[in-house]
């Protein structure tokens, strides 16, 4: 019985490490295109399995996490630089200014120009 528990515990540890690796990659490369397929390749999993695993371990969707990281970086750029809103969007990996404004407002509650 302990053998099965140990195996399950080891598998859970491995899953946590996989999600940590993906999270670290996103934190470092948020400004790049981060398609699910490429992230899944990094950890040798199918895209759908990685998506479910990330949700189970982190409690949020992978795409939501990427958006949050990008918007947190955008907030810093808006606060500490004189970049225009569209330039900030480009720097954080959201080159479409309309989409950037919509996501920024959804996450922060305010438009980027008002931040």
PDB file of N, CA and C in Angstrom:
ATOM      1  N   UNK A   1       0.816  -1.199   0.000  1.00  0.00           N
ATOM      2  CA  UNK A   1       0.000   0.000   0.000  1.00  0.00           C
ATOM      3  C   UNK A   1       0.860   1.265   0.000  1.00  0.00           C
ATOM      4  N   UNK A   2       1.928   1.255   0.804  1.00  0.00           N
ATOM      5  CA  UNK A   2       2.810   2.417   0.838  1.00  0.00           C
ATOM      6  C   UNK A   2       3.457   2.658  -0.515  1.00  0.00           C
ATOM      7  N   UNK A   3       3.709   1.583  -1.242  1.00  0.00           N
ATOM      8  CA  UNK A   3       4.327   1.689  -2.558  1.00  0.00           C
ATOM      9  C   UNK A   3       3.466   2.525  -3.506  1.00  0.00           C
ATOM     10  N   UNK A   4       2.172   2.253  -3.518  1.00  0.00           N
ATOM     11  CA  UNK A   4       1.247   2.995  -4.379  1.00  0.00           C
ATOM     12  C   UNK A   4       1.199   4.458  -3.953  1.00  0.00           C
ATOM     13  N   UNK A   5       1.132   4.707  -2.654  1.00  0.00           N
ATOM     14  CA  UNK A   5       1.116   6.080  -2.142  1.00  0.00           C
ATOM     15  C   UNK A   5       2.393   6.818  -2.549  1.00  0.00           C
ATOM     16  N   UNK A   6       3.541   6.148  -2.399  1.00  0.00           N
ATOM     17  CA  UNK A   6       4.816   6.764  -2.767  1.00  0.00           C
ATOM     18  C   UNK A   6       4.863   7.097  -4.253  1.00  0.00           C
ATOM     19  N   UNK A   7       4.354   6.178  -5.076  1.00  0.00           N
ATOM     20  CA  UNK A   7       4.322   6.423  -6.515  1.00  0.00           C
ATOM     21  C   UNK A   7       3.432   7.618  -6.849  1.00  0.00           C
ATOM     22  N   UNK A   8       2.260   7.687  -6.230  1.00  0.00           N
ATOM     23  CA  UNK A   8       1.353   8.813  -6.470  1.00  0.00           C
ATOM     24  C   UNK A   8       1.976  10.127  -5.998  1.00  0.00           C
ATOM     25  N   UNK A   9       2.633  10.073  -4.856  1.00  0.00           N
ATOM     26  CA  UNK A   9       3.297  11.266  -4.325  1.00  0.00           C
ATOM     27  C   UNK A   9       4.407  11.721  -5.265  1.00  0.00           C
ATOM     28  N   UNK A  10       5.193  10.782  -5.780  1.00  0.00           N
ATOM     29  CA  UNK A  10       6.261  11.112  -6.721  1.00  0.00           C
ATOM     30  C   UNK A  10       5.698  11.708  -8.005  1.00  0.00           C
ATOM     31  N   UNK A  11       4.600  11.161  -8.485  1.00  0.00           N
ATOM     32  CA  UNK A  11       3.960  11.673  -9.692  1.00  0.00           C
ATOM     33  C   UNK A  11       3.460  13.094  -9.463  1.00  0.00           C
ATOM     34  N   UNK A  12       2.872  13.347  -8.307  1.00  0.00           N
ATOM     35  CA  UNK A  12       2.388  14.693  -7.987  1.00  0.00           C
ATOM     36  C   UNK A  12       3.554  15.674  -7.918  1.00  0.00           C
ATOM     37  N   UNK A  13       4.665  15.265  -7.314  1.00  0.00           N
ATOM     38  CA  UNK A  13       5.860  16.114  -7.270  1.00  0.00           C
ATOM     39  C   UNK A  13       6.347  16.436  -8.677  1.00  0.00           C
ATOM     40  N   UNK A  14       6.322  15.422  -9.537  1.00  0.00           N
ATOM     41  CA  UNK A  14       6.746  15.623 -10.923  1.00  0.00           C
ATOM     42  C   UNK A  14       5.816  16.612 -11.626  1.00  0.00           C
ATOM     43  N   UNK A  15       4.522  16.503 -11.395  1.00  0.00           N
ATOM     44  CA  UNK A  15       3.554  17.425 -11.989  1.00  0.00           C
ATOM     45  C   UNK A  15       3.788  18.852 -11.507  1.00  0.00           C
ATOM     46  N   UNK A  16       4.048  19.014 -10.231  1.00  0.00           N
ATOM     47  CA  UNK A  16       4.327  20.345  -9.678  1.00  0.00           C
ATOM     48  C   UNK A  16       5.587  20.925 -10.327  1.00  0.00           C
ATOM     49  N   UNK A  17       6.592  20.097 -10.526  1.00  0.00           N
ATOM     50  CA  UNK A  17       7.828  20.553 -11.161  1.00  0.00           C
ATOM     51  C   UNK A  17       7.605  20.948 -12.614  1.00  0.00           C
ATOM     52  N   UNK A  18       6.771  20.199 -13.323  1.00  0.00           N
ATOM     53  CA  UNK A  18       6.454  20.526 -14.717  1.00  0.00           C
ATOM     54  C   UNK A  18       5.772  21.888 -14.787  1.00  0.00           C
ATOM     55  N   UNK A  19       4.796  22.095 -13.927  1.00  0.00           N
ATOM     56  CA  UNK A  19       4.076  23.366 -13.925  1.00  0.00           C
ATOM     57  C   UNK A  19       5.018  24.502 -13.522  1.00  0.00           C
ATOM     58  N   UNK A  20       5.910  24.265 -12.583  1.00  0.00           N
ATOM     59  CA  UNK A  20       6.890  25.278 -12.183  1.00  0.00           C
ATOM     60  C   UNK A  20       7.807  25.641 -13.352  1.00  0.00           C
ATOM     61  N   UNK A  21       8.177  24.641 -14.131  1.00  0.00           N
ATOM     62  CA  UNK A  21       9.037  24.889 -15.294  1.00  0.00           C
ATOM     63  C   UNK A  21       8.308  25.757 -16.318  1.00  0.00           C
ATOM     64  N   UNK A  22       7.050  25.449 -16.565  1.00  0.00           N
ATOM     65  CA  UNK A  22       6.254  26.238 -17.517  1.00  0.00           C
ATOM     66  C   UNK A  22       6.072  27.661 -16.986  1.00  0.00           C
ATOM     67  N   UNK A  23       5.762  27.780 -15.716  1.00  0.00           N
ATOM     68  CA  UNK A  23       5.583  29.099 -15.094  1.00  0.00           C
ATOM     69  C   UNK A  23       6.865  29.920 -15.222  1.00  0.00           C
ATOM     70  N   UNK A  24       7.997  29.309 -14.945  1.00  0.00           N
ATOM     71  CA  UNK A  24       9.285  29.992 -15.055  1.00  0.00           C
ATOM     72  C   UNK A  24       9.533  30.449 -16.498  1.00  0.00           C
ATOM     73  N   UNK A  25       9.231  29.584 -17.447  1.00  0.00           N
ATOM     74  CA  UNK A  25       9.415  29.928 -18.861  1.00  0.00           C
ATOM     75  C   UNK A  25       8.544  31.128 -19.235  1.00  0.00           C
ATOM     76  N   UNK A  26       7.309  31.114 -18.801  1.00  0.00           N
ATOM     77  CA  UNK A  26       6.396  32.227 -19.091  1.00  0.00           C
ATOM     78  C   UNK A  26       6.907  33.513 -18.440  1.00  0.00           C
ATOM     79  N   UNK A  27       7.333  33.426 -17.195  1.00  0.00           N
ATOM     80  CA  UNK A  27       7.829  34.600 -16.483  1.00  0.00           C
ATOM     81  C   UNK A  27       9.034  35.223 -17.198  1.00  0.00           C
ATOM     82  N   UNK A  28       9.849  34.401 -17.826  1.00  0.00           N
ATOM     83  CA  UNK A  28      11.040  34.884 -18.525  1.00  0.00           C
ATOM     84  C   UNK A  28      10.761  35.339 -19.959  1.00  0.00           C
ATOM     85  N   UNK A  29       9.744  34.732 -20.596  1.00  0.00           N
ATOM     86  CA  UNK A  29       9.511  34.962 -22.026  1.00  0.00           C
ATOM     87  C   UNK A  29       8.107  35.504 -22.326  1.00  0.00           C
ATOM     88  N   UNK A  30       7.506  36.186 -21.361  1.00  0.00           N
ATOM     89  CA  UNK A  30       6.134  36.687 -21.528  1.00  0.00           C
ATOM     90  C   UNK A  30       5.975  37.577 -22.745  1.00  0.00           C
ATOM     91  N   UNK A  31       7.053  38.237 -23.173  1.00  0.00           N
ATOM     92  CA  UNK A  31       6.969  39.178 -24.281  1.00  0.00           C
ATOM     93  C   UNK A  31       6.928  38.489 -25.648  1.00  0.00           C
ATOM     94  N   UNK A  32       7.190  37.192 -25.661  1.00  0.00           N
ATOM     95  CA  UNK A  32       7.180  36.413 -26.899  1.00  0.00           C
ATOM     96  C   UNK A  32       5.826  35.729 -27.093  1.00  0.00           C
ATOM     97  N   UNK A  33       5.648  35.233 -28.304  1.00  0.00           N
ATOM     98  CA  UNK A  33       4.466  34.420 -28.582  1.00  0.00           C
ATOM     99  C   UNK A  33       4.615  33.123 -27.781  1.00  0.00           C
ATOM    100  N   UNK A  34       3.568  32.753 -27.044  1.00  0.00           N
ATOM    101  CA  UNK A  34       3.638  31.559 -26.189  1.00  0.00           C
ATOM    102  C   UNK A  34       2.478  30.599 -26.489  1.00  0.00           C
ATOM    103  N   UNK A  35       2.490  30.014 -27.684  1.00  0.00           N
ATOM    104  CA  UNK A  35       1.400  29.086 -27.998  1.00  0.00           C
ATOM    105  C   UNK A  35       1.462  27.838 -27.111  1.00  0.00           C
ATOM    106  N   UNK A  36       0.307  27.341 -26.766  1.00  0.00           N
ATOM    107  CA  UNK A  36       0.197  26.162 -25.914  1.00  0.00           C
ATOM    108  C   UNK A  36       1.012  24.992 -26.469  1.00  0.00           C
ATOM    109  N   UNK A  37       1.015  24.830 -27.770  1.00  0.00           N
ATOM    110  CA  UNK A  37       1.737  23.722 -28.388  1.00  0.00           C
ATOM    111  C   UNK A  37       3.232  23.795 -28.088  1.00  0.00           C
ATOM    112  N   UNK A  38       3.800  24.989 -28.160  1.00  0.00           N
ATOM    113  CA  UNK A  38       5.236  25.158 -27.892  1.00  0.00           C
ATOM    114  C   UNK A  38       5.544  24.938 -26.411  1.00  0.00           C
ATOM    115  N   UNK A  39       4.682  25.427 -25.531  1.00  0.00           N
ATOM    116  CA  UNK A  39       4.880  25.207 -24.098  1.00  0.00           C
ATOM    117  C   UNK A  39       4.823  23.715 -23.777  1.00  0.00           C
ATOM    118  N   UNK A  40       3.874  23.026 -24.400  1.00  0.00           N
ATOM    119  CA  UNK A  40       3.735  21.583 -24.173  1.00  0.00           C
ATOM    120  C   UNK A  40       4.973  20.837 -24.661  1.00  0.00           C
ATOM    121  N   UNK A  41       5.550  21.273 -25.779  1.00  0.00           N
ATOM    122  CA  UNK A  41       6.773  20.645 -26.294  1.00  0.00           C
ATOM    123  C   UNK A  41       7.922  20.757 -25.289  1.00  0.00           C
ATOM    124  N   UNK A  42       7.978  21.869 -24.579  1.00  0.00           N
ATOM    125  CA  UNK A  42       9.058  22.075 -23.596  1.00  0.00           C
ATOM    126  C   UNK A  42       9.086  20.989 -22.524  1.00  0.00           C
ATOM    127  N   UNK A  43       7.911  20.481 -22.186  1.00  0.00           N
ATOM    128  CA  UNK A  43       7.814  19.489 -21.107  1.00  0.00           C
ATOM    129  C   UNK A  43       7.350  18.125 -21.621  1.00  0.00           C
ATOM    130  N   UNK A  44       7.337  17.972 -22.938  1.00  0.00           N
ATOM    131  CA  UNK A  44       7.034  16.694 -23.581  1.00  0.00           C
ATOM    132  C   UNK A  44       5.649  16.149 -23.194  1.00  0.00           C
ATOM    133  N   UNK A  45       4.662  17.045 -23.212  1.00  0.00           N
ATOM    134  CA  UNK A  45       3.275  16.652 -22.938  1.00  0.00           C
ATOM    135  C   UNK A  45       2.398  17.110 -24.086  1.00  0.00           C
ATOM    136  N   UNK A  46       1.206  16.558 -24.170  1.00  0.00           N
ATOM    137  CA  UNK A  46       0.259  17.054 -25.165  1.00  0.00           C
ATOM    138  C   UNK A  46      -0.268  18.404 -24.675  1.00  0.00           C
ATOM    139  N   UNK A  47      -0.654  19.278 -25.587  1.00  0.00           N
ATOM    140  CA  UNK A  47      -1.183  20.582 -25.185  1.00  0.00           C
ATOM    141  C   UNK A  47      -2.389  20.470 -24.244  1.00  0.00           C
ATOM    142  N   UNK A  48      -3.300  19.558 -24.531  1.00  0.00           N
ATOM    143  CA  UNK A  48      -4.496  19.450 -23.691  1.00  0.00           C
ATOM    144  C   UNK A  48      -4.150  18.945 -22.292  1.00  0.00           C
ATOM    145  N   UNK A  49      -3.209  18.013 -22.203  1.00  0.00           N
ATOM    146  CA  UNK A  49      -2.814  17.497 -20.891  1.00  0.00           C
ATOM    147  C   UNK A  49      -2.115  18.583 -20.081  1.00  0.00           C
ATOM    148  N   UNK A  50      -1.214  19.334 -20.723  1.00  0.00           N
ATOM    149  CA  UNK A  50      -0.535  20.429 -20.026  1.00  0.00           C
ATOM    150  C   UNK A  50      -1.549  21.456 -19.526  1.00  0.00           C
ATOM    151  N   UNK A  51      -2.509  21.776 -20.354  1.00  0.00           N
ATOM    152  CA  UNK A  51      -3.536  22.744 -19.967  1.00  0.00           C
ATOM    153  C   UNK A  51      -4.303  22.281 -18.729  1.00  0.00           C
ATOM    154  N   UNK A  52      -4.720  21.032 -18.724  1.00  0.00           N
ATOM    155  CA  UNK A  52      -5.447  20.486 -17.566  1.00  0.00           C
ATOM    156  C   UNK A  52      -4.560  20.405 -16.329  1.00  0.00           C
ATOM    157  N   UNK A  53      -3.318  20.007 -16.530  1.00  0.00           N
ATOM    158  CA  UNK A  53      -2.373  19.892 -15.419  1.00  0.00           C
ATOM    159  C   UNK A  53      -2.111  21.263 -14.787  1.00  0.00           C
ATOM    160  N   UNK A  54      -1.894  22.267 -15.608  1.00  0.00           N
ATOM    161  CA  UNK A  54      -1.641  23.624 -15.108  1.00  0.00           C
ATOM    162  C   UNK A  54      -2.845  24.113 -14.300  1.00  0.00           C
ATOM    163  N   UNK A  55      -4.024  23.891 -14.830  1.00  0.00           N
ATOM    164  CA  UNK A  55      -5.259  24.304 -14.140  1.00  0.00           C
ATOM    165  C   UNK A  55      -5.385  23.584 -12.795  1.00  0.00           C
ATOM    166  N   UNK A  56      -5.097  22.307 -12.766  1.00  0.00           N
ATOM    167  CA  UNK A  56      -5.231  21.533 -11.528  1.00  0.00           C
ATOM    168  C   UNK A  56      -4.216  21.980 -10.475  1.00  0.00           C
ATOM    169  N   UNK A  57      -2.987  22.204 -10.888  1.00  0.00           N
ATOM    170  CA  UNK A  57      -1.925  22.567  -9.942  1.00  0.00           C
ATOM    171  C   UNK A  57      -2.026  24.036  -9.513  1.00  0.00           C
ATOM    172  N   UNK A  58      -2.266  24.933 -10.447  1.00  0.00           N
ATOM    173  CA  UNK A  58      -2.258  26.375 -10.150  1.00  0.00           C
ATOM    174  C   UNK A  58      -3.637  26.949  -9.837  1.00  0.00           C
ATOM    175  N   UNK A  59      -4.684  26.257 -10.259  1.00  0.00           N
ATOM    176  CA  UNK A  59      -6.028  26.766 -10.010  1.00  0.00           C
ATOM    177  C   UNK A  59      -6.456  27.856 -10.969  1.00  0.00           C
ATOM    178  N   UNK A  60      -5.736  28.018 -12.062  1.00  0.00           N
ATOM    179  CA  UNK A  60      -6.093  29.002 -13.085  1.00  0.00           C
ATOM    180  C   UNK A  60      -5.669  28.480 -14.448  1.00  0.00           C
ATOM    181  N   UNK A  61      -6.312  28.990 -15.472  1.00  0.00           N
ATOM    182  CA  UNK A  61      -5.974  28.581 -16.837  1.00  0.00           C
ATOM    183  C   UNK A  61      -4.597  29.108 -17.215  1.00  0.00           C
ATOM    184  N   UNK A  62      -3.936  28.374 -18.060  1.00  0.00           N
ATOM    185  CA  UNK A  62      -2.622  28.769 -18.549  1.00  0.00           C
ATOM    186  C   UNK A  62      -2.698  30.118 -19.262  1.00  0.00           C
ATOM    187  N   UNK A  63      -3.691  30.299 -20.095  1.00  0.00           N
ATOM    188  CA  UNK A  63      -3.815  31.568 -20.822  1.00  0.00           C
ATOM    189  C   UNK A  63      -4.070  32.729 -19.862  1.00  0.00           C
ATOM    190  N   UNK A  64      -4.835  32.493 -18.818  1.00  0.00           N
ATOM    191  CA  UNK A  64      -5.075  33.547 -17.818  1.00  0.00           C
ATOM    192  C   UNK A  64      -3.780  33.916 -17.107  1.00  0.00           C
ATOM    193  N   UNK A  65      -2.969  32.913 -16.806  1.00  0.00           N
ATOM    194  CA  UNK A  65      -1.690  33.184 -16.145  1.00  0.00           C
ATOM    195  C   UNK A  65      -0.800  34.034 -17.051  1.00  0.00           C
ATOM    196  N   UNK A  66      -0.721  33.674 -18.314  1.00  0.00           N
ATOM    197  CA  UNK A  66       0.097  34.442 -19.269  1.00  0.00           C
ATOM    198  C   UNK A  66      -0.393  35.884 -19.328  1.00  0.00           C
ATOM    199  N   UNK A  67      -1.703  36.077 -19.414  1.00  0.00           N
ATOM    200  CA  UNK A  67      -2.264  37.431 -19.447  1.00  0.00           C
ATOM    201  C   UNK A  67      -1.912  38.208 -18.183  1.00  0.00           C
ATOM    202  N   UNK A  68      -2.032  37.566 -17.033  1.00  0.00           N
ATOM    203  CA  UNK A  68      -1.714  38.240 -15.769  1.00  0.00           C
ATOM    204  C   UNK A  68      -0.255  38.683 -15.725  1.00  0.00           C
ATOM    205  N   UNK A  69       0.646  37.820 -16.147  1.00  0.00           N
ATOM    206  CA  UNK A  69       2.071  38.167 -16.151  1.00  0.00           C
ATOM    207  C   UNK A  69       2.308  39.351 -17.078  1.00  0.00           C
ATOM    208  N   UNK A  70       1.728  39.304 -18.249  1.00  0.00           N
ATOM    209  CA  UNK A  70       1.911  40.390 -19.218  1.00  0.00           C
ATOM    210  C   UNK A  70       1.358  41.713 -18.683  1.00  0.00           C
ATOM    211  N   UNK A  71       0.208  41.665 -18.064  1.00  0.00           N
ATOM    212  CA  UNK A  71      -0.398  42.901 -17.551  1.00  0.00           C
ATOM    213  C   UNK A  71       0.385  43.433 -16.353  1.00  0.00           C
ATOM    214  N   UNK A  72       0.911  42.558 -15.509  1.00  0.00           N
ATOM    215  CA  UNK A  72       1.755  43.029 -14.395  1.00  0.00           C
ATOM    216  C   UNK A  72       2.984  43.763 -14.926  1.00  0.00           C
ATOM    217  N   UNK A  73       3.580  43.227 -15.975  1.00  0.00           N
ATOM    218  CA  UNK A  73       4.738  43.898 -16.586  1.00  0.00           C
ATOM    219  C   UNK A  73       4.312  45.201 -17.250  1.00  0.00           C
ATOM    220  N   UNK A  74       3.151  45.197 -17.880  1.00  0.00           N
ATOM    221  CA  UNK A  74       2.640  46.412 -18.521  1.00  0.00           C
ATOM    222  C   UNK A  74       2.414  47.513 -17.490  1.00  0.00           C
ATOM    223  N   UNK A  75       1.896  47.153 -16.332  1.00  0.00           N
ATOM    224  CA  UNK A  75       1.681  48.139 -15.269  1.00  0.00           C
ATOM    225  C   UNK A  75       2.996  48.811 -14.882  1.00  0.00           C
ATOM    226  N   UNK A  76       4.045  48.021 -14.772  1.00  0.00           N
ATOM    227  CA  UNK A  76       5.364  48.584 -14.440  1.00  0.00           C
ATOM    228  C   UNK A  76       5.831  49.546 -15.521  1.00  0.00           C
ATOM    229  N   UNK A  77       5.681  49.131 -16.785  1.00  0.00           N
ATOM    230  CA  UNK A  77       6.115  49.991 -17.883  1.00  0.00           C
ATOM    231  C   UNK A  77       5.300  51.279 -17.943  1.00  0.00           C
ATOM    232  N   UNK A  78       4.009  51.186 -17.712  1.00  0.00           N
ATOM    233  CA  UNK A  78       3.172  52.382 -17.737  1.00  0.00           C
ATOM    234  C   UNK A  78       3.530  53.333 -16.591  1.00  0.00           C
ATOM    235  N   UNK A  79       3.883  52.760 -15.472  1.00  0.00           N
ATOM    236  CA  UNK A  79       4.193  53.563 -14.288  1.00  0.00           C
ATOM    237  C   UNK A  79       5.584  54.196 -14.360  1.00  0.00           C
ATOM    238  N   UNK A  80       6.549  53.461 -14.878  1.00  0.00           N
ATOM    239  CA  UNK A  80       7.939  53.909 -14.771  1.00  0.00           C
ATOM    240  C   UNK A  80       8.602  54.323 -16.080  1.00  0.00           C
ATOM    241  N   UNK A  81       7.858  54.307 -17.176  1.00  0.00           N
ATOM    242  CA  UNK A  81       8.430  54.760 -18.450  1.00  0.00           C
ATOM    243  C   UNK A  81       7.475  55.756 -19.088  1.00  0.00           C
ATOM    244  N   UNK A  82       7.927  56.354 -20.165  1.00  0.00           N
ATOM    245  CA  UNK A  82       7.070  57.286 -20.897  1.00  0.00           C
ATOM    246  C   UNK A  82       6.578  56.664 -22.208  1.00  0.00           C
ATOM    247  N   UNK A  83       6.602  55.335 -22.266  1.00  0.00           N
ATOM    248  CA  UNK A  83       6.132  54.638 -23.466  1.00  0.00           C
ATOM    249  C   UNK A  83       4.647  54.872 -23.679  1.00  0.00           C
ATOM    250  N   UNK A  84       4.259  54.910 -24.939  1.00  0.00           N
ATOM    251  CA  UNK A  84       2.838  55.009 -25.283  1.00  0.00           C
ATOM    252  C   UNK A  84       2.179  53.652 -25.016  1.00  0.00           C
ATOM    253  N   UNK A  85       0.856  53.681 -24.868  1.00  0.00           N
ATOM    254  CA  UNK A  85       0.115  52.460 -24.539  1.00  0.00           C
ATOM    255  C   UNK A  85       0.372  51.358 -25.565  1.00  0.00           C
ATOM    256  N   UNK A  86       0.340  51.696 -26.844  1.00  0.00           N
ATOM    257  CA  UNK A  86       0.545  50.655 -27.853  1.00  0.00           C
ATOM    258  C   UNK A  86       1.966  50.089 -27.783  1.00  0.00           C
ATOM    259  N   UNK A  87       2.943  50.919 -27.407  1.00  0.00           N
ATOM    260  CA  UNK A  87       4.318  50.444 -27.267  1.00  0.00           C
ATOM    261  C   UNK A  87       4.442  49.475 -26.088  1.00  0.00           C
ATOM    262  N   UNK A  88       3.743  49.788 -25.011  1.00  0.00           N
ATOM    263  CA  UNK A  88       3.738  48.903 -23.843  1.00  0.00           C
ATOM    264  C   UNK A  88       3.137  47.564 -24.223  1.00  0.00           C
ATOM    265  N   UNK A  89       2.014  47.594 -24.935  1.00  0.00           N
ATOM    266  CA  UNK A  89       1.381  46.356 -25.388  1.00  0.00           C
ATOM    267  C   UNK A  89       2.335  45.503 -26.206  1.00  0.00           C
ATOM    268  N   UNK A  90       3.056  46.148 -27.117  1.00  0.00           N
ATOM    269  CA  UNK A  90       4.021  45.412 -27.938  1.00  0.00           C
ATOM    270  C   UNK A  90       5.123  44.808 -27.081  1.00  0.00           C
ATOM    271  N   UNK A  91       5.619  45.560 -26.123  1.00  0.00           N
ATOM    272  CA  UNK A  91       6.729  45.084 -25.282  1.00  0.00           C
ATOM    273  C   UNK A  91       6.342  43.907 -24.392  1.00  0.00           C
ATOM    274  N   UNK A  92       5.075  43.806 -24.043  1.00  0.00           N
ATOM    275  CA  UNK A  92       4.654  42.696 -23.172  1.00  0.00           C
ATOM    276  C   UNK A  92       4.032  41.539 -23.947  1.00  0.00           C
ATOM    277  N   UNK A  93       4.091  41.602 -25.268  1.00  0.00           N
ATOM    278  CA  UNK A  93       3.632  40.470 -26.068  1.00  0.00           C
ATOM    279  C   UNK A  93       2.181  40.532 -26.511  1.00  0.00           C
ATOM    280  N   UNK A  94       1.577  41.732 -26.418  1.00  0.00           N
ATOM    281  CA  UNK A  94       0.197  41.893 -26.894  1.00  0.00           C
ATOM    282  C   UNK A  94       0.204  43.051 -27.895  1.00  0.00           C
ATOM    283  N   UNK A  95       0.570  42.763 -29.157  1.00  0.00           N
ATOM    284  CA  UNK A  95       0.759  43.830 -30.143  1.00  0.00           C
ATOM    285  C   UNK A  95      -0.525  44.508 -30.632  1.00  0.00           C
ATOM    286  N   UNK A  96      -1.668  43.881 -30.466  1.00  0.00           N
ATOM    287  CA  UNK A  96      -2.939  44.485 -30.885  1.00  0.00           C
ATOM    288  C   UNK A  96      -3.384  45.459 -29.791  1.00  0.00           C
ATOM    289  N   UNK A  97      -3.362  46.781 -30.071  1.00  0.00           N
ATOM    290  CA  UNK A  97      -3.668  47.763 -29.026  1.00  0.00           C
ATOM    291  C   UNK A  97      -5.093  47.661 -28.470  1.00  0.00           C
ATOM    292  N   UNK A  98      -6.046  47.294 -29.300  1.00  0.00           N
ATOM    293  CA  UNK A  98      -7.427  47.152 -28.829  1.00  0.00           C
ATOM    294  C   UNK A  98      -7.528  45.971 -27.867  1.00  0.00           C
ATOM    295  N   UNK A  99      -6.933  44.857 -28.247  1.00  0.00           N
ATOM    296  CA  UNK A  99      -6.939  43.666 -27.391  1.00  0.00           C
ATOM    297  C   UNK A  99      -6.171  43.943 -26.100  1.00  0.00           C
ATOM    298  N   UNK A 100      -5.038  44.611 -26.215  1.00  0.00           N
ATOM    299  CA  UNK A 100      -4.256  44.958 -25.029  1.00  0.00           C
ATOM    300  C   UNK A 100      -5.094  45.790 -24.056  1.00  0.00           C
ATOM    301  N   UNK A 101      -5.757  46.813 -24.558  1.00  0.00           N
ATOM    302  CA  UNK A 101      -6.588  47.666 -23.693  1.00  0.00           C
ATOM    303  C   UNK A 101      -7.713  46.876 -23.035  1.00  0.00           C
ATOM    304  N   UNK A 102      -8.331  45.984 -23.796  1.00  0.00           N
ATOM    305  CA  UNK A 102      -9.435  45.186 -23.261  1.00  0.00           C
ATOM    306  C   UNK A 102      -8.951  44.254 -22.140  1.00  0.00           C
ATOM    307  N   UNK A 103      -7.833  43.572 -22.375  1.00  0.00           N
ATOM    308  CA  UNK A 103      -7.282  42.651 -21.366  1.00  0.00           C
ATOM    309  C   UNK A 103      -6.813  43.434 -20.140  1.00  0.00           C
ATOM    310  N   UNK A 104      -6.165  44.562 -20.370  1.00  0.00           N
ATOM    311  CA  UNK A 104      -5.674  45.383 -19.261  1.00  0.00           C
ATOM    312  C   UNK A 104      -6.838  45.810 -18.370  1.00  0.00           C
ATOM    313  N   UNK A 105      -7.912  46.291 -19.003  1.00  0.00           N
ATOM    314  CA  UNK A 105      -9.071  46.734 -18.219  1.00  0.00           C
ATOM    315  C   UNK A 105      -9.740  45.564 -17.507  1.00  0.00           C
ATOM    316  N   UNK A 106      -9.824  44.417 -18.173  1.00  0.00           N
ATOM    317  CA  UNK A 106     -10.441  43.236 -17.567  1.00  0.00           C
ATOM    318  C   UNK A 106      -9.688  42.833 -16.290  1.00  0.00           C
ATOM    319  N   UNK A 107      -8.371  42.914 -16.324  1.00  0.00           N
ATOM    320  CA  UNK A 107      -7.562  42.466 -15.191  1.00  0.00           C
ATOM    321  C   UNK A 107      -7.434  43.539 -14.117  1.00  0.00           C
ATOM    322  N   UNK A 108      -7.264  44.798 -14.519  1.00  0.00           N
ATOM    323  CA  UNK A 108      -6.997  45.861 -13.546  1.00  0.00           C
ATOM    324  C   UNK A 108      -8.224  46.677 -13.159  1.00  0.00           C
ATOM    325  N   UNK A 109      -9.217  46.672 -14.037  1.00  0.00           N
ATOM    326  CA  UNK A 109     -10.407  47.498 -13.792  1.00  0.00           C
ATOM    327  C   UNK A 109     -10.323  48.897 -14.377  1.00  0.00           C
ATOM    328  N   UNK A 110      -9.161  49.256 -14.932  1.00  0.00           N
ATOM    329  CA  UNK A 110      -9.014  50.574 -15.556  1.00  0.00           C
ATOM    330  C   UNK A 110      -8.351  50.420 -16.926  1.00  0.00           C
ATOM    331  N   UNK A 111      -8.560  51.395 -17.776  1.00  0.00           N
ATOM    332  CA  UNK A 111      -7.913  51.389 -19.086  1.00  0.00           C
ATOM    333  C   UNK A 111      -6.433  51.722 -18.909  1.00  0.00           C
ATOM    334  N   UNK A 112      -5.595  51.205 -19.797  1.00  0.00           N
ATOM    335  CA  UNK A 112      -4.158  51.486 -19.647  1.00  0.00           C
ATOM    336  C   UNK A 112      -3.827  52.979 -19.691  1.00  0.00           C
ATOM    337  N   UNK A 113      -4.547  53.742 -20.501  1.00  0.00           N
ATOM    338  CA  UNK A 113      -4.259  55.191 -20.571  1.00  0.00           C
ATOM    339  C   UNK A 113      -4.612  55.906 -19.276  1.00  0.00           C
ATOM    340  N   UNK A 114      -5.494  55.307 -18.481  1.00  0.00           N
ATOM    341  CA  UNK A 114      -5.884  55.919 -17.205  1.00  0.00           C
ATOM    342  C   UNK A 114      -5.062  55.395 -16.025  1.00  0.00           C
ATOM    343  N   UNK A 115      -4.208  54.430 -16.294  1.00  0.00           N
ATOM    344  CA  UNK A 115      -3.473  53.812 -15.201  1.00  0.00           C
ATOM    345  C   UNK A 115      -2.431  54.758 -14.636  1.00  0.00           C
TER     346      UNK A 115
END
